[in-house]
Amino acid sequence: MSKNTEVLQTAVNSNGEAGNSLETAIFDALVEARSTCEVNGSNSSECAVAWDIVEELQAEKSHQKQAAKIKSSLENYCATHPNALECRVYDI
């Protein structure tokens, strides 16, 4: 079970360095979850924790995909020219 915790902590600490490391962490967690459930039984708390870790890693992958949203040309322009008239935002 400590290996599961290490896999999760490594993936969270990588913080999107490379999508490949997160993919590897998910694969490793899947293998670990399957073996944990096979050894301890599918109704054990260790099995549930292992699958929770897999779920958390997959959720992190999904969040990283959403964060990597492609900016529009207006967003790119406003990032380089924040004082341009087109980029002003007014509170009403």
PDB file of N, CA and C in Angstrom:
ATOM      1  N   MET A   1       0.820  -1.188   0.000  1.00  0.00           N
ATOM      2  CA  MET A   1       0.000   0.000   0.000  1.00  0.00           C
ATOM      3  C   MET A   1       0.860   1.247   0.000  1.00  0.00           C
ATOM      4  N   SER A   2       2.055   1.191   0.596  1.00  0.00           N
ATOM      5  CA  SER A   2       2.927   2.365   0.598  1.00  0.00           C
ATOM      6  C   SER A   2       3.417   2.673  -0.811  1.00  0.00           C
ATOM      7  N   LYS A   3       3.523   1.658  -1.663  1.00  0.00           N
ATOM      8  CA  LYS A   3       3.912   1.905  -3.048  1.00  0.00           C
ATOM      9  C   LYS A   3       2.843   2.723  -3.757  1.00  0.00           C
ATOM     10  N   ASN A   4       1.571   2.451  -3.472  1.00  0.00           N
ATOM     11  CA  ASN A   4       0.476   3.234  -4.046  1.00  0.00           C
ATOM     12  C   ASN A   4       0.597   4.691  -3.649  1.00  0.00           C
ATOM     13  N   THR A   5       0.882   4.936  -2.393  1.00  0.00           N
ATOM     14  CA  THR A   5       1.020   6.304  -1.908  1.00  0.00           C
ATOM     15  C   THR A   5       2.187   6.995  -2.590  1.00  0.00           C
ATOM     16  N   GLU A   6       3.290   6.277  -2.786  1.00  0.00           N
ATOM     17  CA  GLU A   6       4.458   6.852  -3.457  1.00  0.00           C
ATOM     18  C   GLU A   6       4.140   7.193  -4.910  1.00  0.00           C
ATOM     19  N   VAL A   7       3.407   6.334  -5.603  1.00  0.00           N
ATOM     20  CA  VAL A   7       3.036   6.577  -7.000  1.00  0.00           C
ATOM     21  C   VAL A   7       2.175   7.821  -7.101  1.00  0.00           C
ATOM     22  N   LEU A   8       1.192   7.941  -6.204  1.00  0.00           N
ATOM     23  CA  LEU A   8       0.303   9.102  -6.212  1.00  0.00           C
ATOM     24  C   LEU A   8       1.077  10.377  -5.910  1.00  0.00           C
ATOM     25  N   GLN A   9       1.933  10.344  -4.912  1.00  0.00           N
ATOM     26  CA  GLN A   9       2.706  11.528  -4.533  1.00  0.00           C
ATOM     27  C   GLN A   9       3.647  11.951  -5.655  1.00  0.00           C
ATOM     28  N   THR A  10       4.275  11.020  -6.339  1.00  0.00           N
ATOM     29  CA  THR A  10       5.157  11.331  -7.456  1.00  0.00           C
ATOM     30  C   THR A  10       4.395  11.993  -8.588  1.00  0.00           C
ATOM     31  N   ALA A  11       3.238  11.490  -8.902  1.00  0.00           N
ATOM     32  CA  ALA A  11       2.434  12.055  -9.989  1.00  0.00           C
ATOM     33  C   ALA A  11       1.951  13.457  -9.653  1.00  0.00           C
ATOM     34  N   VAL A  12       1.555  13.674  -8.412  1.00  0.00           N
ATOM     35  CA  VAL A  12       1.085  14.996  -8.007  1.00  0.00           C
ATOM     36  C   VAL A  12       2.242  15.987  -7.993  1.00  0.00           C
ATOM     37  N   ASN A  13       3.408  15.560  -7.537  1.00  0.00           N
ATOM     38  CA  ASN A  13       4.561  16.455  -7.482  1.00  0.00           C
ATOM     39  C   ASN A  13       5.107  16.796  -8.854  1.00  0.00           C
ATOM     40  N   SER A  14       4.900  15.932  -9.855  1.00  0.00           N
ATOM     41  CA  SER A  14       5.393  16.217 -11.194  1.00  0.00           C
ATOM     42  C   SER A  14       4.688  17.424 -11.781  1.00  0.00           C
ATOM     43  N   ASN A  15       3.429  17.669 -11.377  1.00  0.00           N
ATOM     44  CA  ASN A  15       2.653  18.856 -11.744  1.00  0.00           C
ATOM     45  C   ASN A  15       2.712  19.163 -13.223  1.00  0.00           C
ATOM     46  N   GLY A  16       2.520  18.141 -14.026  1.00  0.00           N
ATOM     47  CA  GLY A  16       2.427  18.360 -15.465  1.00  0.00           C
ATOM     48  C   GLY A  16       3.753  18.502 -16.175  1.00  0.00           C
ATOM     49  N   GLU A  17       4.862  18.070 -15.549  1.00  0.00           N
ATOM     50  CA  GLU A  17       6.161  18.153 -16.220  1.00  0.00           C
ATOM     51  C   GLU A  17       6.110  17.460 -17.562  1.00  0.00           C
ATOM     52  N   ALA A  18       5.611  16.267 -17.542  1.00  0.00           N
ATOM     53  CA  ALA A  18       5.479  15.515 -18.787  1.00  0.00           C
ATOM     54  C   ALA A  18       4.260  14.624 -18.661  1.00  0.00           C
ATOM     55  N   GLY A  19       3.419  14.644 -19.684  1.00  0.00           N
ATOM     56  CA  GLY A  19       2.241  13.802 -19.661  1.00  0.00           C
ATOM     57  C   GLY A  19       2.604  12.342 -19.587  1.00  0.00           C
ATOM     58  N   ASN A  20       3.788  12.022 -20.087  1.00  0.00           N
ATOM     59  CA  ASN A  20       4.249  10.640 -20.091  1.00  0.00           C
ATOM     60  C   ASN A  20       4.433  10.115 -18.668  1.00  0.00           C
ATOM     61  N   SER A  21       4.929  10.940 -17.738  1.00  0.00           N
ATOM     62  CA  SER A  21       5.140  10.469 -16.371  1.00  0.00           C
ATOM     63  C   SER A  21       3.805  10.183 -15.690  1.00  0.00           C
ATOM     64  N   LEU A  22       2.788  10.978 -16.000  1.00  0.00           N
ATOM     65  CA  LEU A  22       1.462  10.737 -15.441  1.00  0.00           C
ATOM     66  C   LEU A  22       0.863   9.463 -16.036  1.00  0.00           C
ATOM     67  N   GLU A  23       1.063   9.257 -17.324  1.00  0.00           N
ATOM     68  CA  GLU A  23       0.598   8.017 -17.961  1.00  0.00           C
ATOM     69  C   GLU A  23       1.268   6.812 -17.311  1.00  0.00           C
ATOM     70  N   THR A  24       2.552   6.918 -17.062  1.00  0.00           N
ATOM     71  CA  THR A  24       3.291   5.833 -16.416  1.00  0.00           C
ATOM     72  C   THR A  24       2.773   5.593 -15.009  1.00  0.00           C
ATOM     73  N   ALA A  25       2.498   6.678 -14.283  1.00  0.00           N
ATOM     74  CA  ALA A  25       1.991   6.549 -12.917  1.00  0.00           C
ATOM     75  C   ALA A  25       0.618   5.879 -12.921  1.00  0.00           C
ATOM     76  N   ILE A  26      -0.218   6.221 -13.881  1.00  0.00           N
ATOM     77  CA  ILE A  26      -1.539   5.589 -13.971  1.00  0.00           C
ATOM     78  C   ILE A  26      -1.393   4.108 -14.263  1.00  0.00           C
ATOM     79  N   PHE A  27      -0.516   3.778 -15.197  1.00  0.00           N
ATOM     80  CA  PHE A  27      -0.298   2.366 -15.540  1.00  0.00           C
ATOM     81  C   PHE A  27       0.227   1.600 -14.333  1.00  0.00           C
ATOM     82  N   ASP A  28       1.210   2.176 -13.627  1.00  0.00           N
ATOM     83  CA  ASP A  28       1.767   1.521 -12.443  1.00  0.00           C
ATOM     84  C   ASP A  28       0.704   1.343 -11.361  1.00  0.00           C
ATOM     85  N   ALA A  29      -0.144   2.359 -11.182  1.00  0.00           N
ATOM     86  CA  ALA A  29      -1.193   2.270 -10.172  1.00  0.00           C
ATOM     87  C   ALA A  29      -2.228   1.205 -10.543  1.00  0.00           C
ATOM     88  N   LEU A  30      -2.527   1.086 -11.838  1.00  0.00           N
ATOM     89  CA  LEU A  30      -3.453   0.037 -12.288  1.00  0.00           C
ATOM     90  C   LEU A  30      -2.897  -1.350 -11.986  1.00  0.00           C
ATOM     91  N   VAL A  31      -1.630  -1.548 -12.302  1.00  0.00           N
ATOM     92  CA  VAL A  31      -0.992  -2.846 -12.044  1.00  0.00           C
ATOM     93  C   VAL A  31      -0.993  -3.134 -10.550  1.00  0.00           C
ATOM     94  N   GLU A  32      -0.658  -2.118  -9.753  1.00  0.00           N
ATOM     95  CA  GLU A  32      -0.618  -2.285  -8.301  1.00  0.00           C
ATOM     96  C   GLU A  32      -2.010  -2.564  -7.738  1.00  0.00           C
ATOM     97  N   ALA A  33      -3.022  -1.884  -8.258  1.00  0.00           N
ATOM     98  CA  ALA A  33      -4.388  -2.094  -7.777  1.00  0.00           C
ATOM     99  C   ALA A  33      -4.865  -3.504  -8.091  1.00  0.00           C
ATOM    100  N   ARG A  34      -4.570  -3.954  -9.293  1.00  0.00           N
ATOM    101  CA  ARG A  34      -4.984  -5.321  -9.665  1.00  0.00           C
ATOM    102  C   ARG A  34      -4.319  -6.369  -8.785  1.00  0.00           C
ATOM    103  N   SER A  35      -3.014  -6.194  -8.553  1.00  0.00           N
ATOM    104  CA  SER A  35      -2.317  -7.181  -7.729  1.00  0.00           C
ATOM    105  C   SER A  35      -2.762  -7.098  -6.269  1.00  0.00           C
ATOM    106  N   THR A  36      -3.011  -5.889  -5.779  1.00  0.00           N
ATOM    107  CA  THR A  36      -3.482  -5.734  -4.398  1.00  0.00           C
ATOM    108  C   THR A  36      -4.829  -6.405  -4.206  1.00  0.00           C
ATOM    109  N   CYS A  37      -5.724  -6.229  -5.171  1.00  0.00           N
ATOM    110  CA  CYS A  37      -7.055  -6.843  -5.071  1.00  0.00           C
ATOM    111  C   CYS A  37      -6.977  -8.360  -5.203  1.00  0.00           C
ATOM    112  N   GLU A  38      -6.035  -8.830  -5.999  1.00  0.00           N
ATOM    113  CA  GLU A  38      -5.875 -10.273  -6.165  1.00  0.00           C
ATOM    114  C   GLU A  38      -5.355 -10.903  -4.874  1.00  0.00           C
ATOM    115  N   VAL A  39      -4.431 -10.220  -4.206  1.00  0.00           N
ATOM    116  CA  VAL A  39      -3.830 -10.753  -2.985  1.00  0.00           C
ATOM    117  C   VAL A  39      -4.770 -10.614  -1.789  1.00  0.00           C
ATOM    118  N   ASN A  40      -5.369  -9.427  -1.623  1.00  0.00           N
ATOM    119  CA  ASN A  40      -6.157  -9.136  -0.421  1.00  0.00           C
ATOM    120  C   ASN A  40      -7.651  -9.354  -0.591  1.00  0.00           C
ATOM    121  N   GLY A  41      -8.091  -9.593  -1.803  1.00  0.00           N
ATOM    122  CA  GLY A  41      -9.514  -9.770  -2.049  1.00  0.00           C
ATOM    123  C   GLY A  41     -10.150  -8.468  -2.518  1.00  0.00           C
ATOM    124  N   SER A  42     -11.184  -8.610  -3.321  1.00  0.00           N
ATOM    125  CA  SER A  42     -11.793  -7.432  -3.934  1.00  0.00           C
ATOM    126  C   SER A  42     -12.620  -6.605  -2.950  1.00  0.00           C
ATOM    127  N   ASN A  43     -12.928  -7.145  -1.789  1.00  0.00           N
ATOM    128  CA  ASN A  43     -13.705  -6.408  -0.791  1.00  0.00           C
ATOM    129  C   ASN A  43     -12.840  -5.810   0.312  1.00  0.00           C
ATOM    130  N   SER A  44     -11.526  -5.900   0.182  1.00  0.00           N
ATOM    131  CA  SER A  44     -10.644  -5.397   1.230  1.00  0.00           C
ATOM    132  C   SER A  44     -10.476  -3.884   1.132  1.00  0.00           C
ATOM    133  N   SER A  45     -10.102  -3.285   2.245  1.00  0.00           N
ATOM    134  CA  SER A  45      -9.886  -1.836   2.263  1.00  0.00           C
ATOM    135  C   SER A  45      -8.647  -1.464   1.444  1.00  0.00           C
ATOM    136  N   GLU A  46      -7.657  -2.351   1.399  1.00  0.00           N
ATOM    137  CA  GLU A  46      -6.462  -2.092   0.603  1.00  0.00           C
ATOM    138  C   GLU A  46      -6.802  -1.997  -0.882  1.00  0.00           C
ATOM    139  N   CYS A  47      -7.702  -2.864  -1.324  1.00  0.00           N
ATOM    140  CA  CYS A  47      -8.147  -2.853  -2.720  1.00  0.00           C
ATOM    141  C   CYS A  47      -8.868  -1.548  -3.035  1.00  0.00           C
ATOM    142  N   ALA A  48      -9.742  -1.112  -2.133  1.00  0.00           N
ATOM    143  CA  ALA A  48     -10.483   0.143  -2.339  1.00  0.00           C
ATOM    144  C   ALA A  48      -9.533   1.328  -2.406  1.00  0.00           C
ATOM    145  N   VAL A  49      -8.534   1.359  -1.535  1.00  0.00           N
ATOM    146  CA  VAL A  49      -7.564   2.452  -1.534  1.00  0.00           C
ATOM    147  C   VAL A  49      -6.768   2.454  -2.835  1.00  0.00           C
ATOM    148  N   ALA A  50      -6.377   1.282  -3.290  1.00  0.00           N
ATOM    149  CA  ALA A  50      -5.600   1.195  -4.529  1.00  0.00           C
ATOM    150  C   ALA A  50      -6.397   1.727  -5.713  1.00  0.00           C
ATOM    151  N   TRP A  51      -7.688   1.390  -5.788  1.00  0.00           N
ATOM    152  CA  TRP A  51      -8.505   1.884  -6.892  1.00  0.00           C
ATOM    153  C   TRP A  51      -8.826   3.367  -6.739  1.00  0.00           C
ATOM    154  N   ASP A  52      -8.880   3.864  -5.499  1.00  0.00           N
ATOM    155  CA  ASP A  52      -9.046   5.307  -5.284  1.00  0.00           C
ATOM    156  C   ASP A  52      -7.847   6.075  -5.832  1.00  0.00           C
ATOM    157  N   ILE A  53      -6.669   5.515  -5.656  1.00  0.00           N
ATOM    158  CA  ILE A  53      -5.455   6.153  -6.178  1.00  0.00           C
ATOM    159  C   ILE A  53      -5.499   6.203  -7.695  1.00  0.00           C
ATOM    160  N   VAL A  54      -5.924   5.116  -8.327  1.00  0.00           N
ATOM    161  CA  VAL A  54      -6.057   5.100  -9.790  1.00  0.00           C
ATOM    162  C   VAL A  54      -7.038   6.187 -10.229  1.00  0.00           C
ATOM    163  N   GLU A  55      -8.139   6.292  -9.519  1.00  0.00           N
ATOM    164  CA  GLU A  55      -9.155   7.296  -9.838  1.00  0.00           C
ATOM    165  C   GLU A  55      -8.614   8.718  -9.708  1.00  0.00           C
ATOM    166  N   GLU A  56      -7.847   8.971  -8.652  1.00  0.00           N
ATOM    167  CA  GLU A  56      -7.265  10.299  -8.437  1.00  0.00           C
ATOM    168  C   GLU A  56      -6.269  10.649  -9.542  1.00  0.00           C
ATOM    169  N   LEU A  57      -5.472   9.685  -9.946  1.00  0.00           N
ATOM    170  CA  LEU A  57      -4.512   9.934 -11.019  1.00  0.00           C
ATOM    171  C   LEU A  57      -5.218  10.241 -12.335  1.00  0.00           C
ATOM    172  N   GLN A  58      -6.281   9.506 -12.620  1.00  0.00           N
ATOM    173  CA  GLN A  58      -7.033   9.759 -13.849  1.00  0.00           C
ATOM    174  C   GLN A  58      -7.713  11.124 -13.801  1.00  0.00           C
ATOM    175  N   ALA A  59      -8.175  11.528 -12.629  1.00  0.00           N
ATOM    176  CA  ALA A  59      -8.782  12.855 -12.482  1.00  0.00           C
ATOM    177  C   ALA A  59      -7.733  13.947 -12.699  1.00  0.00           C
ATOM    178  N   GLU A  60      -6.529  13.738 -12.192  1.00  0.00           N
ATOM    179  CA  GLU A  60      -5.446  14.710 -12.393  1.00  0.00           C
ATOM    180  C   GLU A  60      -5.098  14.840 -13.868  1.00  0.00           C
ATOM    181  N   LYS A  61      -5.096  13.730 -14.568  1.00  0.00           N
ATOM    182  CA  LYS A  61      -4.832  13.766 -16.009  1.00  0.00           C
ATOM    183  C   LYS A  61      -5.901  14.585 -16.723  1.00  0.00           C
ATOM    184  N   SER A  62      -7.143  14.393 -16.331  1.00  0.00           N
ATOM    185  CA  SER A  62      -8.246  15.140 -16.922  1.00  0.00           C
ATOM    186  C   SER A  62      -8.126  16.631 -16.634  1.00  0.00           C
ATOM    187  N   HIS A  63      -7.743  16.969 -15.405  1.00  0.00           N
ATOM    188  CA  HIS A  63      -7.578  18.382 -15.043  1.00  0.00           C
ATOM    189  C   HIS A  63      -6.443  19.030 -15.829  1.00  0.00           C
ATOM    190  N   GLN A  64      -5.376  18.297 -16.036  1.00  0.00           N
ATOM    191  CA  GLN A  64      -4.258  18.844 -16.801  1.00  0.00           C
ATOM    192  C   GLN A  64      -4.641  19.083 -18.257  1.00  0.00           C
ATOM    193  N   LYS A  65      -5.470  18.204 -18.815  1.00  0.00           N
ATOM    194  CA  LYS A  65      -5.931  18.404 -20.189  1.00  0.00           C
ATOM    195  C   LYS A  65      -6.777  19.659 -20.303  1.00  0.00           C
ATOM    196  N   GLN A  66      -7.634  19.892 -19.327  1.00  0.00           N
ATOM    197  CA  GLN A  66      -8.487  21.070 -19.341  1.00  0.00           C
ATOM    198  C   GLN A  66      -7.672  22.337 -19.154  1.00  0.00           C
ATOM    199  N   ALA A  67      -6.605  22.275 -18.362  1.00  0.00           N
ATOM    200  CA  ALA A  67      -5.771  23.446 -18.114  1.00  0.00           C
ATOM    201  C   ALA A  67      -4.957  23.826 -19.346  1.00  0.00           C
ATOM    202  N   ALA A  68      -4.721  22.877 -20.226  1.00  0.00           N
ATOM    203  CA  ALA A  68      -3.912  23.120 -21.420  1.00  0.00           C
ATOM    204  C   ALA A  68      -4.767  23.610 -22.578  1.00  0.00           C
ATOM    205  N   LYS A  69      -5.832  24.321 -22.265  1.00  0.00           N
ATOM    206  CA  LYS A  69      -6.752  24.836 -23.269  1.00  0.00           C
ATOM    207  C   LYS A  69      -6.015  25.785 -24.222  1.00  0.00           C
ATOM    208  N   ILE A  70      -6.319  25.696 -25.493  1.00  0.00           N
ATOM    209  CA  ILE A  70      -5.698  26.552 -26.496  1.00  0.00           C
ATOM    210  C   ILE A  70      -6.358  27.923 -26.447  1.00  0.00           C
ATOM    211  N   LYS A  71      -5.524  28.967 -26.387  1.00  0.00           N
ATOM    212  CA  LYS A  71      -6.039  30.323 -26.329  1.00  0.00           C
ATOM    213  C   LYS A  71      -6.454  30.805 -27.712  1.00  0.00           C
ATOM    214  N   SER A  72      -7.458  31.680 -27.723  1.00  0.00           N
ATOM    215  CA  SER A  72      -7.890  32.281 -28.989  1.00  0.00           C
ATOM    216  C   SER A  72      -6.904  33.376 -29.387  1.00  0.00           C
ATOM    217  N   SER A  73      -7.027  33.853 -30.596  1.00  0.00           N
ATOM    218  CA  SER A  73      -6.126  34.910 -31.058  1.00  0.00           C
ATOM    219  C   SER A  73      -6.328  36.184 -30.245  1.00  0.00           C
ATOM    220  N   LEU A  74      -7.561  36.471 -29.818  1.00  0.00           N
ATOM    221  CA  LEU A  74      -7.804  37.647 -28.989  1.00  0.00           C
ATOM    222  C   LEU A  74      -7.132  37.496 -27.627  1.00  0.00           C
ATOM    223  N   GLU A  75      -7.213  36.311 -27.043  1.00  0.00           N
ATOM    224  CA  GLU A  75      -6.551  36.076 -25.756  1.00  0.00           C
ATOM    225  C   GLU A  75      -5.042  36.225 -25.875  1.00  0.00           C
ATOM    226  N   ASN A  76      -4.458  35.738 -26.963  1.00  0.00           N
ATOM    227  CA  ASN A  76      -3.023  35.909 -27.179  1.00  0.00           C
ATOM    228  C   ASN A  76      -2.660  37.377 -27.342  1.00  0.00           C
ATOM    229  N   TYR A  77      -3.484  38.113 -28.093  1.00  0.00           N
ATOM    230  CA  TYR A  77      -3.237  39.531 -28.314  1.00  0.00           C
ATOM    231  C   TYR A  77      -3.320  40.297 -26.987  1.00  0.00           C
ATOM    232  N   CYS A  78      -4.328  40.002 -26.195  1.00  0.00           N
ATOM    233  CA  CYS A  78      -4.494  40.687 -24.912  1.00  0.00           C
ATOM    234  C   CYS A  78      -3.393  40.332 -23.919  1.00  0.00           C
ATOM    235  N   ALA A  79      -2.839  39.147 -24.048  1.00  0.00           N
ATOM    236  CA  ALA A  79      -1.727  38.774 -23.174  1.00  0.00           C
ATOM    237  C   ALA A  79      -0.494  39.615 -23.469  1.00  0.00           C
ATOM    238  N   THR A  80      -0.288  39.955 -24.746  1.00  0.00           N
ATOM    239  CA  THR A  80       0.881  40.764 -25.107  1.00  0.00           C
ATOM    240  C   THR A  80       0.583  42.258 -25.081  1.00  0.00           C
ATOM    241  N   HIS A  81      -0.688  42.654 -25.203  1.00  0.00           N
ATOM    242  CA  HIS A  81      -1.088  44.067 -25.204  1.00  0.00           C
ATOM    243  C   HIS A  81      -2.252  44.279 -24.226  1.00  0.00           C
ATOM    244  N   PRO A  82      -1.983  44.201 -22.925  1.00  0.00           N
ATOM    245  CA  PRO A  82      -3.089  44.263 -21.957  1.00  0.00           C
ATOM    246  C   PRO A  82      -3.818  45.611 -21.913  1.00  0.00           C
ATOM    247  N   ASN A  83      -3.199  46.692 -22.373  1.00  0.00           N
ATOM    248  CA  ASN A  83      -3.830  48.010 -22.320  1.00  0.00           C
ATOM    249  C   ASN A  83      -4.566  48.380 -23.603  1.00  0.00           C
ATOM    250  N   ALA A  84      -4.640  47.490 -24.556  1.00  0.00           N
ATOM    251  CA  ALA A  84      -5.332  47.776 -25.812  1.00  0.00           C
ATOM    252  C   ALA A  84      -6.825  47.939 -25.550  1.00  0.00           C
ATOM    253  N   LEU A  85      -7.469  48.745 -26.370  1.00  0.00           N
ATOM    254  CA  LEU A  85      -8.896  48.996 -26.202  1.00  0.00           C
ATOM    255  C   LEU A  85      -9.717  47.710 -26.263  1.00  0.00           C
ATOM    256  N   GLU A  86      -9.332  46.793 -27.128  1.00  0.00           N
ATOM    257  CA  GLU A  86     -10.072  45.549 -27.293  1.00  0.00           C
ATOM    258  C   GLU A  86     -10.005  44.659 -26.058  1.00  0.00           C
ATOM    259  N   CYS A  87      -9.028  44.908 -25.205  1.00  0.00           N
ATOM    260  CA  CYS A  87      -8.783  44.014 -24.074  1.00  0.00           C
ATOM    261  C   CYS A  87      -9.321  44.575 -22.763  1.00  0.00           C
ATOM    262  N   ARG A  88      -9.860  45.733 -22.779  1.00  0.00           N
ATOM    263  CA  ARG A  88     -10.353  46.335 -21.538  1.00  0.00           C
ATOM    264  C   ARG A  88     -11.645  45.651 -21.092  1.00  0.00           C
ATOM    265  N   VAL A  89     -11.739  45.497 -19.777  1.00  0.00           N
ATOM    266  CA  VAL A  89     -12.900  44.889 -19.162  1.00  0.00           C
ATOM    267  C   VAL A  89     -13.471  45.914 -18.181  1.00  0.00           C
ATOM    268  N   TYR A  90     -14.750  46.185 -18.290  1.00  0.00           N
ATOM    269  CA  TYR A  90     -15.387  47.188 -17.454  1.00  0.00           C
ATOM    270  C   TYR A  90     -16.356  46.527 -16.475  1.00  0.00           C
ATOM    271  N   ASP A  91     -16.334  47.021 -15.225  1.00  0.00           N
ATOM    272  CA  ASP A  91     -17.309  46.582 -14.238  1.00  0.00           C
ATOM    273  C   ASP A  91     -18.550  47.449 -14.358  1.00  0.00           C
ATOM    274  N   ILE A  92     -19.672  46.835 -14.307  1.00  0.00           N
ATOM    275  CA  ILE A  92     -20.930  47.589 -14.402  1.00  0.00           C
ATOM    276  C   ILE A  92     -21.657  47.503 -13.090  1.00  0.00           C
TER     277      ILE A  92
END
